[in-house]
Protein backbone atom coordinates (compact mmCIF):
# COMPACT_ATOMS: atom_id res chain seq x y z
CA MET A 1 149.48 67.83 124.93
CA GLU A 2 151.27 71.17 125.04
CA LEU A 3 148.84 74.05 124.67
CA ARG A 4 149.30 76.56 121.87
CA SER A 5 149.68 79.42 124.32
CA GLN A 6 152.64 77.72 126.01
CA LYS A 7 154.37 76.98 122.72
CA LEU A 8 154.16 80.62 121.68
CA ARG A 9 155.45 81.84 125.05
CA LYS A 10 158.69 80.09 124.21
CA ILE A 11 158.94 81.87 120.87
CA SER A 12 158.10 85.42 121.97
CA PRO A 13 160.16 86.73 124.92
CA GLU A 14 158.07 89.91 125.04
CA LEU A 15 154.76 88.08 125.51
CA ASP A 16 155.02 87.39 129.25
CA PRO A 17 156.14 90.88 130.33
CA LEU A 18 153.51 92.56 128.18
CA ARG A 19 150.77 90.45 129.75
CA LEU A 20 152.14 91.10 133.23
CA GLY A 21 151.94 94.79 132.40
CA THR A 22 148.29 94.32 131.43
CA GLY A 23 147.48 93.01 134.91
CA TRP A 24 147.96 89.28 134.51
CA LYS A 25 149.58 87.55 137.48
CA LYS A 26 152.67 85.46 136.95
CA GLU A 27 150.78 82.27 137.81
CA ASP A 28 148.20 83.08 135.10
CA LEU A 29 150.79 82.82 132.33
CA GLY A 30 151.01 79.03 132.50
CA LYS A 31 147.26 78.39 132.65
CA PRO A 32 145.01 77.53 129.70
CA GLN A 33 144.38 80.90 128.11
CA ILE A 34 140.81 81.64 127.03
CA LEU A 35 139.74 84.41 124.66
CA ILE A 36 136.48 85.93 125.93
CA GLU A 37 135.20 87.78 122.88
CA SER A 38 132.00 89.81 123.03
CA THR A 39 130.13 92.56 121.24
CA PHE A 40 129.64 94.47 124.52
CA GLY A 41 129.22 98.21 124.15
CA ASP A 42 126.79 101.06 124.64
CA SER A 43 125.60 100.84 121.05
CA HIS A 44 122.16 99.31 121.73
CA PRO A 45 120.16 97.15 124.19
CA GLY A 46 121.33 93.91 122.61
CA SER A 47 124.94 94.55 123.64
CA GLY A 48 124.69 96.94 126.60
CA HIS A 49 124.37 94.13 129.15
CA LEU A 50 126.94 91.69 127.81
CA ASP A 51 129.68 92.85 130.20
CA GLN A 52 127.82 90.99 132.98
CA LEU A 53 128.01 87.78 130.97
CA VAL A 54 131.68 88.42 130.18
CA GLU A 55 132.46 88.63 133.89
CA ALA A 56 130.45 85.49 134.62
CA ALA A 57 132.35 83.63 131.89
CA ARG A 58 135.61 84.93 133.37
CA ARG A 59 134.65 83.48 136.75
CA GLY A 60 133.90 80.14 135.14
CA VAL A 61 137.25 80.13 133.35
CA ALA A 62 139.06 80.84 136.63
CA GLU A 63 137.11 78.13 138.49
CA ALA A 64 138.28 75.61 135.88
CA GLY A 65 141.91 76.64 136.25
CA GLY A 66 142.21 78.89 133.20
CA HIS A 67 142.75 82.58 132.63
CA GLY A 68 140.23 84.62 130.60
CA ALA A 69 141.13 87.72 128.59
CA ARG A 70 138.40 90.16 127.51
CA TYR A 71 138.31 91.30 123.88
CA TYR A 72 135.60 93.39 122.23
CA CYS A 73 134.25 94.29 118.82
CA THR A 74 131.00 96.18 119.35
CA ASP A 75 128.23 95.64 116.83
CA MET A 76 125.79 98.17 115.38
CA CYS A 77 122.02 98.21 115.72
CA ASP A 78 119.94 97.76 112.58
CA GLY A 79 116.95 99.34 114.32
CA GLU A 80 118.85 102.53 115.15
CA SER A 81 119.96 102.79 111.51
CA GLN A 82 116.65 101.98 109.80
CA GLY A 83 115.59 104.44 107.13
CA THR A 84 119.05 106.01 106.81
CA ASP A 85 122.20 105.18 104.88
CA GLY A 86 123.55 103.83 108.17
CA ILE A 87 121.68 100.57 107.53
CA ASN A 88 123.99 99.97 104.56
CA TYR A 89 126.76 99.15 107.03
CA SER A 90 124.78 96.37 108.67
CA LEU A 91 125.73 93.32 106.63
CA ALA A 92 129.28 94.59 106.14
CA SER A 93 129.63 94.82 109.93
CA ARG A 94 129.21 91.05 110.14
CA GLU A 95 132.40 90.67 108.09
CA MET A 96 134.25 93.16 110.30
CA ILE A 97 133.31 91.32 113.50
CA ALA A 98 134.48 88.01 112.03
CA GLY A 99 137.65 89.75 110.86
CA MET A 100 138.41 91.18 114.29
CA ILE A 101 137.99 87.76 115.89
CA GLU A 102 140.47 86.41 113.35
CA ILE A 103 142.87 89.25 114.20
CA HIS A 104 142.51 88.85 117.97
CA GLN A 105 143.11 85.11 117.87
CA GLY A 106 145.68 85.18 115.09
CA ALA A 107 147.81 87.88 116.70
CA THR A 108 148.00 86.43 120.21
CA PRO A 109 147.98 82.89 121.59
CA PHE A 110 144.75 81.53 123.07
CA ASP A 111 143.80 77.92 123.66
CA GLY A 112 140.02 78.29 123.62
CA GLY A 113 137.28 80.86 123.49
CA VAL A 114 133.95 82.04 124.84
CA PHE A 115 131.98 84.08 122.31
CA ILE A 116 129.18 86.27 123.64
CA ALA A 117 126.73 88.15 121.41
CA SER A 118 123.03 88.81 121.03
CA CYS A 119 122.10 90.60 117.88
CA ASP A 120 121.60 90.60 114.14
CA LYS A 121 125.23 90.80 113.00
CA GLY A 122 127.04 90.25 116.31
CA MET A 123 125.86 86.67 116.58
CA PRO A 124 126.48 85.53 112.97
CA GLY A 125 129.74 87.53 112.86
CA SER A 126 130.90 85.74 116.01
CA LEU A 127 129.88 82.36 114.61
CA MET A 128 131.77 83.06 111.38
CA GLY A 129 134.82 84.24 113.30
CA LEU A 130 135.00 81.33 115.71
CA CYS A 131 134.63 78.87 112.84
CA ARG A 132 137.35 80.68 110.90
CA VAL A 133 139.88 80.51 113.77
CA ASP A 134 138.58 77.03 114.72
CA ILE A 135 139.71 76.99 118.35
CA PRO A 136 137.81 75.07 121.04
CA ALA A 137 134.93 77.40 121.84
CA VAL A 138 131.55 77.87 123.51
CA VAL A 139 128.93 80.39 122.40
CA VAL A 140 126.85 82.32 124.94
CA PRO A 141 123.70 83.76 123.31
CA GLY A 142 122.96 87.08 125.04
CA GLY A 143 119.22 86.64 125.46
CA THR A 144 116.10 88.63 124.63
CA MET A 145 114.52 91.71 126.15
CA CYS A 146 111.17 91.33 127.86
CA ALA A 147 108.00 92.76 126.40
CA GLY A 148 106.60 96.13 127.37
CA PRO A 149 103.06 97.01 128.52
CA GLU A 150 100.25 95.41 126.52
CA LEU A 151 102.94 92.88 125.47
CA LEU A 152 104.36 95.58 123.18
CA THR A 153 107.49 94.62 121.20
CA LEU A 154 109.69 96.67 118.91
CA GLU A 155 108.67 95.14 115.59
CA GLN A 156 105.22 96.67 116.12
CA LEU A 157 106.68 100.18 115.96
CA GLY A 158 106.79 100.16 112.16
CA MET A 159 103.05 99.45 112.20
CA TYR A 160 102.43 102.32 114.62
CA ALA A 161 104.55 104.68 112.48
CA ALA A 162 102.70 103.75 109.29
CA GLN A 163 99.33 104.14 111.06
CA PHE A 164 100.37 107.60 112.25
CA GLU A 165 101.53 108.58 108.75
CA ARG A 166 98.11 107.59 107.40
CA GLY A 167 96.30 109.49 110.18
CA GLU A 168 94.89 106.34 111.82
CA ILE A 169 96.40 107.07 115.27
CA ASN A 170 97.43 110.30 116.96
CA GLU A 171 100.93 111.42 117.92
CA GLY A 172 100.37 110.53 121.57
CA ARG A 173 99.74 106.87 120.78
CA LEU A 174 102.84 106.75 118.57
CA GLN A 175 104.91 108.33 121.34
CA TRP A 176 103.57 105.79 123.85
CA ALA A 177 104.79 102.98 121.59
CA LYS A 178 108.22 104.59 121.25
CA ASP A 179 108.52 105.03 125.02
CA ASN A 180 107.62 101.44 125.87
CA ALA A 181 108.83 99.21 123.01
CA CYS A 182 112.27 98.54 124.58
CA PRO A 183 111.89 98.23 128.37
CA GLY A 184 115.35 96.73 128.92
CA CYS A 185 118.38 94.99 127.48
CA GLY A 186 118.53 91.99 125.20
CA ALA A 187 117.73 91.24 121.57
CA CYS A 188 114.41 92.50 120.22
CA SER A 189 111.59 90.36 121.61
CA PHE A 190 110.41 88.54 118.50
CA ILE A 191 111.81 85.85 116.23
CA GLY A 192 113.81 88.25 114.11
CA THR A 193 117.37 87.79 112.96
CA ALA A 194 118.92 88.23 116.40
CA SER A 195 116.65 85.63 118.03
CA THR A 196 116.97 83.30 115.05
CA MET A 197 120.78 83.34 115.16
CA GLN A 198 120.86 82.78 118.93
CA ILE A 199 118.70 79.71 118.31
CA MET A 200 120.99 78.64 115.44
CA ALA A 201 124.04 78.77 117.74
CA GLU A 202 122.46 76.14 119.98
CA ALA A 203 120.97 74.20 117.07
CA LEU A 204 124.45 73.84 115.52
CA GLY A 205 125.74 72.43 118.81
CA LEU A 206 128.00 75.39 119.66
CA ALA A 207 126.06 76.69 122.71
CA LEU A 208 125.24 74.83 125.91
CA PRO A 209 121.89 72.99 125.81
CA GLY A 210 119.01 75.26 126.77
CA SER A 211 121.04 78.48 126.70
CA ALA A 212 119.57 80.20 123.63
CA LEU A 213 117.20 83.15 123.89
CA LEU A 214 116.68 83.41 127.64
CA PRO A 215 115.28 86.68 129.01
CA ALA A 216 118.34 88.92 129.23
CA ASP A 217 117.67 89.74 132.89
CA SER A 218 117.39 86.08 133.90
CA PRO A 219 119.82 84.77 136.54
CA ASP A 220 119.84 81.53 134.55
CA LEU A 221 121.61 83.36 131.71
CA VAL A 222 124.42 84.50 134.02
CA GLU A 223 124.81 80.92 135.20
CA TYR A 224 125.01 79.66 131.61
CA ALA A 225 127.80 82.17 130.96
CA ARG A 226 129.72 80.93 134.01
CA ARG A 227 129.31 77.33 132.88
CA ALA A 228 130.43 78.30 129.38
CA GLY A 229 133.68 79.66 130.83
CA LYS A 230 134.33 76.39 132.65
CA ARG A 231 133.51 74.35 129.59
CA ALA A 232 135.86 76.43 127.41
CA VAL A 233 138.80 75.40 129.59
CA GLU A 234 137.77 71.75 129.38
CA LEU A 235 137.43 72.02 125.61
CA ALA A 236 140.89 73.56 125.33
CA LEU A 237 142.33 70.54 127.14
CA GLU A 238 140.21 68.09 125.14
CA GLY A 239 140.94 69.72 121.78
CA LEU A 240 137.32 69.58 120.57
CA LYS A 241 136.88 72.31 117.91
CA PRO A 242 134.00 73.87 115.96
CA SER A 243 135.04 71.92 112.86
CA ASP A 244 134.31 68.73 114.83
CA ILE A 245 130.81 69.97 115.69
CA VAL A 246 129.56 71.94 112.67
CA THR A 247 128.98 69.23 110.07
CA PRO A 248 126.42 68.60 107.32
CA ASP A 249 124.29 66.77 109.90
CA SER A 250 124.34 69.61 112.43
CA ILE A 251 123.58 72.12 109.68
CA GLU A 252 120.56 70.05 108.61
CA ASN A 253 119.42 70.01 112.24
CA ALA A 254 119.75 73.79 112.37
CA ILE A 255 117.73 74.31 109.18
CA LEU A 256 114.94 72.03 110.39
CA ILE A 257 114.84 74.03 113.63
CA HIS A 258 114.84 77.23 111.56
CA ALA A 259 111.71 75.90 109.83
CA ALA A 260 110.10 74.99 113.14
CA VAL A 261 110.59 78.45 114.64
CA SER A 262 109.75 80.38 111.43
CA GLY A 263 113.20 81.93 111.55
CA SER A 264 114.34 85.10 109.84
CA THR A 265 115.03 85.04 106.10
CA ASN A 266 118.40 86.61 106.96
CA CYS A 267 119.45 83.17 108.16
CA LEU A 268 119.79 82.33 104.46
CA LEU A 269 122.64 84.85 104.41
CA HIS A 270 124.24 83.77 107.66
CA LEU A 271 124.23 79.95 107.76
CA PRO A 272 125.85 79.64 104.29
CA ALA A 273 128.50 82.17 105.34
CA ILE A 274 129.18 80.27 108.59
CA ALA A 275 129.41 76.95 106.73
CA HIS A 276 131.74 78.56 104.18
CA GLU A 277 134.26 79.29 106.95
CA LEU A 278 134.62 75.53 107.47
CA GLY A 279 134.69 74.63 103.78
CA LEU A 280 131.07 73.44 103.76
CA LYS A 281 128.65 74.55 101.04
CA ILE A 282 124.97 75.21 101.56
CA ASP A 283 122.70 77.64 99.73
CA GLY A 284 119.09 78.64 99.27
CA ASP A 285 118.28 75.33 97.62
CA THR A 286 119.41 73.53 100.81
CA PHE A 287 116.94 75.57 102.85
CA ASP A 288 114.14 75.06 100.35
CA ARG A 289 114.68 71.29 100.24
CA LEU A 290 114.63 70.93 104.03
CA HIS A 291 111.73 73.32 104.59
CA ARG A 292 109.47 71.39 102.23
CA GLY A 293 107.22 69.31 104.45
CA ALA A 294 108.93 70.54 107.64
CA ARG A 295 106.85 71.19 110.77
CA TYR A 296 106.34 74.83 111.81
CA LEU A 297 105.72 74.83 115.57
CA LEU A 298 106.58 78.12 117.29
CA ASN A 299 103.76 80.58 117.96
CA LEU A 300 105.90 83.69 118.48
CA ARG A 301 105.99 87.04 116.73
CA PRO A 302 106.25 88.24 114.02
CA ALA A 303 104.53 85.24 112.40
CA GLY A 304 102.79 84.19 115.63
CA GLN A 305 101.23 85.71 118.75
CA TRP A 306 103.68 85.99 121.63
CA PRO A 307 106.94 87.82 122.48
CA ALA A 308 110.24 85.95 122.34
CA GLU A 309 110.74 85.70 126.11
CA PHE A 310 108.08 82.97 126.11
CA PHE A 311 110.41 80.74 124.10
CA TYR A 312 112.47 79.89 127.18
CA TYR A 313 109.38 79.53 129.36
CA ALA A 314 108.15 76.80 126.99
CA GLY A 315 111.48 74.91 127.08
CA GLY A 316 113.48 76.71 124.38
CA VAL A 317 115.51 74.91 121.75
CA PRO A 318 115.44 71.58 123.67
CA ALA A 319 111.63 71.57 123.62
CA ILE A 320 111.65 72.22 119.87
CA MET A 321 114.19 69.42 119.43
CA GLU A 322 112.03 67.01 121.43
CA GLU A 323 109.16 67.61 119.00
CA LEU A 324 111.50 67.21 116.02
CA ARG A 325 113.13 63.99 117.26
CA PRO A 326 111.81 61.93 114.31
CA VAL A 327 113.76 64.04 111.78
CA LEU A 328 116.87 65.25 113.63
CA HIS A 329 120.36 63.75 113.57
CA LEU A 330 120.43 62.85 117.27
CA ASP A 331 123.96 61.49 117.01
CA ALA A 332 125.38 64.93 116.08
CA LEU A 333 128.24 65.93 118.38
CA THR A 334 127.83 69.09 120.49
CA VAL A 335 129.97 71.43 122.56
CA THR A 336 129.25 69.35 125.68
CA GLY A 337 131.29 66.52 124.16
CA ARG A 338 128.11 64.47 124.04
CA THR A 339 125.59 63.91 121.27
CA LEU A 340 122.41 65.88 120.79
CA GLY A 341 120.35 62.88 121.90
CA GLU A 342 122.42 62.47 125.07
CA ASN A 343 121.99 66.17 125.89
CA LEU A 344 118.22 65.90 125.55
CA GLU A 345 118.10 62.91 127.85
CA GLU A 346 120.14 64.73 130.49
CA LEU A 347 117.82 67.76 130.35
CA ARG A 348 114.82 65.51 130.92
CA GLN A 349 116.46 64.12 134.04
CA ASN A 350 117.92 67.29 135.59
CA GLY A 351 114.67 69.25 135.99
CA PHE A 352 115.20 71.66 133.10
CA TYR A 353 111.59 71.61 131.90
CA GLU A 354 110.23 71.93 135.43
CA ARG A 355 112.32 75.10 135.90
CA CYS A 356 111.00 76.47 132.63
CA GLN A 357 107.43 75.83 133.76
CA LYS A 358 108.03 77.91 136.89
CA TRP A 359 109.15 80.80 134.68
CA LEU A 360 106.02 80.36 132.55
CA ASP A 361 103.81 80.43 135.65
CA ALA A 362 105.50 83.67 136.76
CA ALA A 363 105.06 85.24 133.29
CA ASN A 364 101.38 84.32 133.20
CA LYS A 365 100.91 86.08 136.53
CA LYS A 366 102.96 89.12 135.44
CA TYR A 367 101.04 89.67 132.20
CA GLY A 368 97.63 88.46 133.34
CA ILE A 369 97.43 85.64 130.79
CA HIS A 370 97.04 81.85 130.94
CA LEU A 371 99.41 80.22 128.45
CA THR A 372 100.50 76.61 128.44
CA LYS A 373 103.65 75.26 126.84
CA GLY A 374 101.51 73.97 123.97
CA ASP A 375 100.23 77.46 123.26
CA ILE A 376 103.83 78.52 122.53
CA ILE A 377 105.44 75.39 121.06
CA ARG A 378 102.91 73.26 119.25
CA PRO A 379 103.29 69.46 119.31
CA TRP A 380 104.65 67.55 116.31
CA ASP A 381 101.24 66.09 115.43
CA ASP A 382 99.43 69.46 115.68
CA PRO A 383 101.76 72.00 114.03
CA LEU A 384 100.97 75.52 112.90
CA GLY A 385 102.09 74.45 109.44
CA ARG A 386 103.52 71.49 107.55
CA ASP A 387 105.64 73.15 104.87
CA GLY A 388 108.33 74.94 106.85
CA SER A 389 108.39 78.71 106.89
CA ILE A 390 110.37 79.89 103.85
CA ALA A 391 110.44 79.15 100.16
CA VAL A 392 113.10 79.87 97.55
CA LEU A 393 111.50 81.08 94.33
CA LYS A 394 113.15 80.87 90.91
CA GLY A 395 112.43 81.85 87.32
CA ASN A 396 113.64 84.30 84.72
CA LEU A 397 113.35 87.11 87.30
CA ALA A 398 115.54 85.32 89.87
CA PRO A 399 117.62 82.60 88.17
CA LEU A 400 119.69 82.07 91.34
CA GLY A 401 116.70 82.41 93.65
CA ALA A 402 114.75 84.79 95.88
CA VAL A 403 113.35 84.10 99.33
CA ILE A 404 109.90 84.57 100.87
CA LYS A 405 108.80 83.84 104.43
CA HIS A 406 105.48 82.30 103.55
CA THR A 407 104.37 81.85 107.16
CA ALA A 408 104.19 85.66 107.39
CA CYS A 409 102.57 86.13 103.96
CA PRO A 410 98.78 86.37 103.35
CA GLN A 411 97.39 83.31 101.59
CA GLU A 412 95.84 85.61 98.97
CA MET A 413 99.34 86.38 97.68
CA PHE A 414 100.53 82.79 97.30
CA SER A 415 99.58 82.80 93.60
CA ALA A 416 99.13 85.95 91.56
CA ILE A 417 99.85 87.78 88.31
CA LEU A 418 100.99 91.30 89.23
CA HIS A 419 101.86 94.53 87.41
CA ALA A 420 105.44 95.72 87.91
CA ARG A 421 106.18 99.06 89.57
CA PRO A 422 109.99 99.34 89.62
CA PHE A 423 111.86 101.81 91.87
CA ASP A 424 115.62 102.27 92.08
CA SER A 425 115.60 103.27 95.77
CA GLU A 426 113.59 102.53 98.91
CA GLU A 427 112.83 106.23 99.41
CA GLU A 428 110.89 106.41 96.12
CA ALA A 429 109.06 103.16 96.84
CA ILE A 430 107.90 103.94 100.37
CA ASP A 431 106.65 107.36 99.32
CA ALA A 432 104.55 105.74 96.58
CA VAL A 433 103.16 103.15 99.02
CA LEU A 434 102.29 105.60 101.81
CA HIS A 435 100.56 108.00 99.43
CA HIS A 436 98.67 105.27 97.56
CA ARG A 437 100.33 105.71 94.20
CA VAL A 438 100.57 101.92 94.32
CA ARG A 439 97.42 99.95 93.58
CA PRO A 440 96.20 96.44 94.45
CA GLY A 441 97.66 93.99 91.98
CA ASP A 442 101.03 95.77 91.75
CA ALA A 443 104.46 94.26 92.28
CA VAL A 444 106.61 96.96 93.89
CA PHE A 445 110.29 96.52 93.03
CA ILE A 446 113.13 98.04 95.04
CA ARG A 447 116.38 97.33 93.23
CA TYR A 448 120.03 98.35 93.35
CA GLU A 449 119.95 97.49 97.07
CA GLY A 450 121.97 94.27 96.88
CA PRO A 451 125.40 93.76 98.47
CA GLN A 452 127.31 94.93 95.39
CA ALA A 453 125.20 98.09 95.10
CA SER A 454 124.62 99.52 98.56
CA GLY A 455 125.55 96.86 101.13
CA MET A 456 122.19 95.03 101.07
CA PRO A 457 120.19 97.09 103.57
CA GLU A 458 116.82 96.06 104.99
CA MET A 459 113.60 97.29 103.39
CA PHE A 460 111.83 97.24 106.74
CA TYR A 461 109.85 100.47 106.59
CA THR A 462 108.46 99.75 103.14
CA SER A 463 107.46 96.23 104.11
CA GLU A 464 105.77 97.51 107.28
CA ALA A 465 103.96 100.23 105.33
CA ILE A 466 102.57 97.54 103.02
CA SER A 467 101.72 94.87 105.60
CA SER A 468 99.97 97.39 107.91
CA ASP A 469 97.84 98.80 105.08
CA LYS A 470 94.41 97.13 105.14
CA GLU A 471 94.02 97.39 101.36
CA LEU A 472 97.56 96.82 100.07
CA GLY A 473 98.75 94.29 102.67
CA ARG A 474 96.86 91.45 100.96
CA ALA A 475 96.95 92.68 97.39
CA ILE A 476 100.53 93.62 96.35
CA ALA A 477 104.00 92.13 96.58
CA LEU A 478 107.33 93.78 97.42
CA ILE A 479 110.30 92.33 95.54
CA THR A 480 113.91 93.41 96.12
CA ASP A 481 117.54 92.44 95.74
CA GLY A 482 117.96 93.87 99.23
CA ARG A 483 116.78 92.08 102.33
CA PHE A 484 114.19 92.36 105.06
CA SER A 485 114.24 92.66 108.80
CA GLY A 486 113.54 89.44 110.62
CA ALA A 487 110.48 91.31 111.90
CA SER A 488 109.04 91.83 108.43
CA THR A 489 105.65 90.40 107.56
CA GLY A 490 103.49 90.45 104.48
CA PRO A 491 104.01 89.57 100.80
CA VAL A 492 107.73 90.43 100.74
CA ILE A 493 110.37 88.71 98.61
CA GLY A 494 114.06 89.44 99.07
CA HIS A 495 117.59 88.38 98.08
CA CYS A 496 116.58 88.42 94.39
CA SER A 497 119.66 87.03 92.66
CA PRO A 498 121.60 87.93 90.63
CA GLU A 499 121.16 91.46 91.97
CA ALA A 500 120.55 94.51 89.77
CA GLN A 501 124.08 95.88 90.15
CA ALA A 502 125.44 92.59 88.77
CA GLY A 503 123.09 92.79 85.78
CA GLY A 504 120.46 90.41 87.13
CA PRO A 505 117.03 90.36 85.48
CA ILE A 506 115.58 92.49 88.29
CA ALA A 507 117.50 95.40 86.69
CA LEU A 508 115.59 94.84 83.44
CA VAL A 509 112.04 95.03 84.83
CA GLU A 510 109.97 97.83 83.30
CA GLU A 511 106.72 99.53 84.28
CA ASN A 512 103.63 97.31 83.79
CA ASP A 513 105.58 94.12 83.07
CA LEU A 514 103.54 91.11 84.22
CA ILE A 515 105.05 89.24 87.16
CA GLN A 516 104.07 85.69 88.08
CA LEU A 517 104.30 84.81 91.76
CA ASP A 518 103.54 81.23 92.78
CA VAL A 519 104.81 80.27 96.22
CA LYS A 520 103.80 76.61 96.13
CA ALA A 521 105.32 76.10 92.66
CA ARG A 522 108.38 78.18 93.71
CA ILE A 523 108.03 80.52 90.68
CA LEU A 524 109.03 84.17 90.35
CA ALA A 525 109.04 85.20 86.69
CA ILE A 526 108.44 87.99 84.20
CA VAL A 527 105.66 86.68 81.95
CA GLY A 528 104.45 89.73 80.04
CA VAL A 529 105.09 93.25 78.81
CA ASP A 530 102.77 96.28 78.93
CA GLY A 531 100.15 94.16 80.66
CA GLN A 532 100.13 91.55 77.85
CA ARG A 533 101.18 87.92 78.34
CA LYS A 534 104.14 86.66 76.31
CA THR A 535 105.48 83.18 75.63
CA PRO A 536 108.67 82.15 77.46
CA GLU A 537 110.56 82.38 74.16
CA GLU A 538 109.28 85.92 73.56
CA MET A 539 110.28 86.95 77.08
CA ASP A 540 113.78 85.54 76.58
CA ARG A 541 114.19 87.67 73.44
CA ILE A 542 112.81 90.80 75.16
CA LEU A 543 115.05 90.42 78.19
CA ALA A 544 118.11 89.78 75.99
CA GLU A 545 117.38 93.00 74.08
CA ARG A 546 116.96 94.96 77.34
CA LYS A 547 120.19 93.50 78.70
CA ALA A 548 122.09 94.62 75.58
CA HIS A 549 121.17 98.24 76.39
CA TRP A 550 121.67 98.00 80.18
CA GLU A 551 124.59 99.59 81.98
CA PRO A 552 125.45 99.20 85.68
CA LYS A 553 124.98 102.22 87.91
CA PRO A 554 128.11 103.97 89.25
CA ARG A 555 129.14 102.47 92.59
CA LYS A 556 127.53 104.24 95.51
CA TYR A 557 130.62 103.88 97.71
CA VAL A 558 134.10 104.64 96.38
CA ARG A 559 136.15 104.21 99.55
CA GLY A 560 136.22 102.49 102.92
CA VAL A 561 134.48 99.41 104.24
CA LEU A 562 131.47 99.61 101.94
CA ARG A 563 133.61 99.86 98.83
CA MET A 564 135.49 96.72 99.90
CA PHE A 565 132.23 94.95 100.70
CA SER A 566 130.52 95.94 97.44
CA GLU A 567 133.53 94.86 95.36
CA HIS A 568 133.92 91.45 96.97
CA ALA A 569 130.49 90.34 98.29
CA ALA A 570 129.26 87.00 97.05
CA SER A 571 125.71 86.55 95.79
CA PRO A 572 122.96 86.86 98.44
CA MET A 573 121.99 83.25 97.80
CA GLU A 574 125.57 82.17 98.60
CA GLY A 575 125.67 84.14 101.86
CA ALA A 576 127.09 87.52 100.73
CA TYR A 577 130.41 86.78 102.47
CA LEU A 578 133.57 88.43 101.19
CA LYS A 579 134.75 86.51 98.16
CA PHE A 580 138.27 87.20 96.89
CA ASP A 581 138.54 84.70 94.05
CA LYS A 582 136.68 86.72 91.41
């Protein structure tokens, strides 16, 4: 089989001299050529260390007889942009990363790829891009940062900030949290979006077994990157592509693992967008169907107790898969060229779990604790929960769906009739929450924050202000057509679709409407006006009358990336990818 790179060398006489001018050696030109694409950059801790993994992958490529070329598209940090208009760029940046991968591979000839990323949009953007170009490829998840003193992790900072705002802690304690929440590189140390999507890369079969969510400073992670480089060359020669690996079966495996780890609700944006690149369709209903009755096993923050570094110490994705054996498609093909079941058997035999136990022993000593594997990953027959971790709610408020992470929601809020308090921006809403102009029994709405309105930013600070409030955290709900950080906890409901900018019912909610929330029945509906219950037929007439007088708000962005994104973004429940067939 003649490699693509060698075919294109014959077509373009300038290609060889230009690569020689870049520093390639003449003997490199005829080797399998591997695109090493990463989000390395000085933008944030999740990407600042990836150059080490790039170089390790390069070594692996060379050892296997290939030549690796380094390409970059640095991602942004949601945490650095929280509370500002900068967060509006977050979801759009996913599309830009995927687009740059398409450009890099489409413009120049490569036979395979290694894709290295850690964080919220870098990882899903890379997964979308590699599926779009569909070249033989291996993903290297960039790992997680370790916890700080007192096992402090970054998602707790919102709690500290809200406590300071309410006068519950002094400025010194808040400053201590700021100084110690990020002690090193890697993704934030909880099962937020970054950690979830690293896990999804392995769950889909695109990363080497056991490689997801290692501590970023682990020598094992560098070794995985080297092995990924070697495997990329082998894949290029074998011709095994992402479209051979990412199938309905592997996607079902990934969603069941998402349920087991209580993954971020943002995964409901990312997995559908990744599947879309390969012509596969999944949506919120797919997640809801598979989460029903699914085992929730992972005792890590924000829904559980421990920082994300303990995931690897307990055996990582393979240990989760071992517990889920009864429900997984074990014959799903993976990037190793073997099936999922064959990979698990090899890990049992090569000492993988024994090595993880040594790391757990060292962590117990470091932090002065005494955890066992079972404290971190619960066994199949003794789960933390038996109904997955998310639910997709529907009704006349969200005809296309809205998502709640019920494992992070107080039981008191699973069924309630609430009084609507609509706000057209997060700034107005958080001010009302922090200064107690919101009362128990309210449903706080933040609307016009969907992808077509403002890029679909996170409502992290508002959700943290609510969940950290002893009175409101178990007595109100937050409902939005925006989204939440993977770190968010509390009674928060996002992705409400259709969004307000598209004329969805969330735009029609008025002060003191009655809102029915029923997590188990999957209901989110407007059931009354001015505090008085109405029949469904009466509500239909009222909403139709309100819609007749509704007008969309002027677009917030009239040029650049965010205009393009707002004009072409699909519904949140479809994945909010760029859709050009409107």
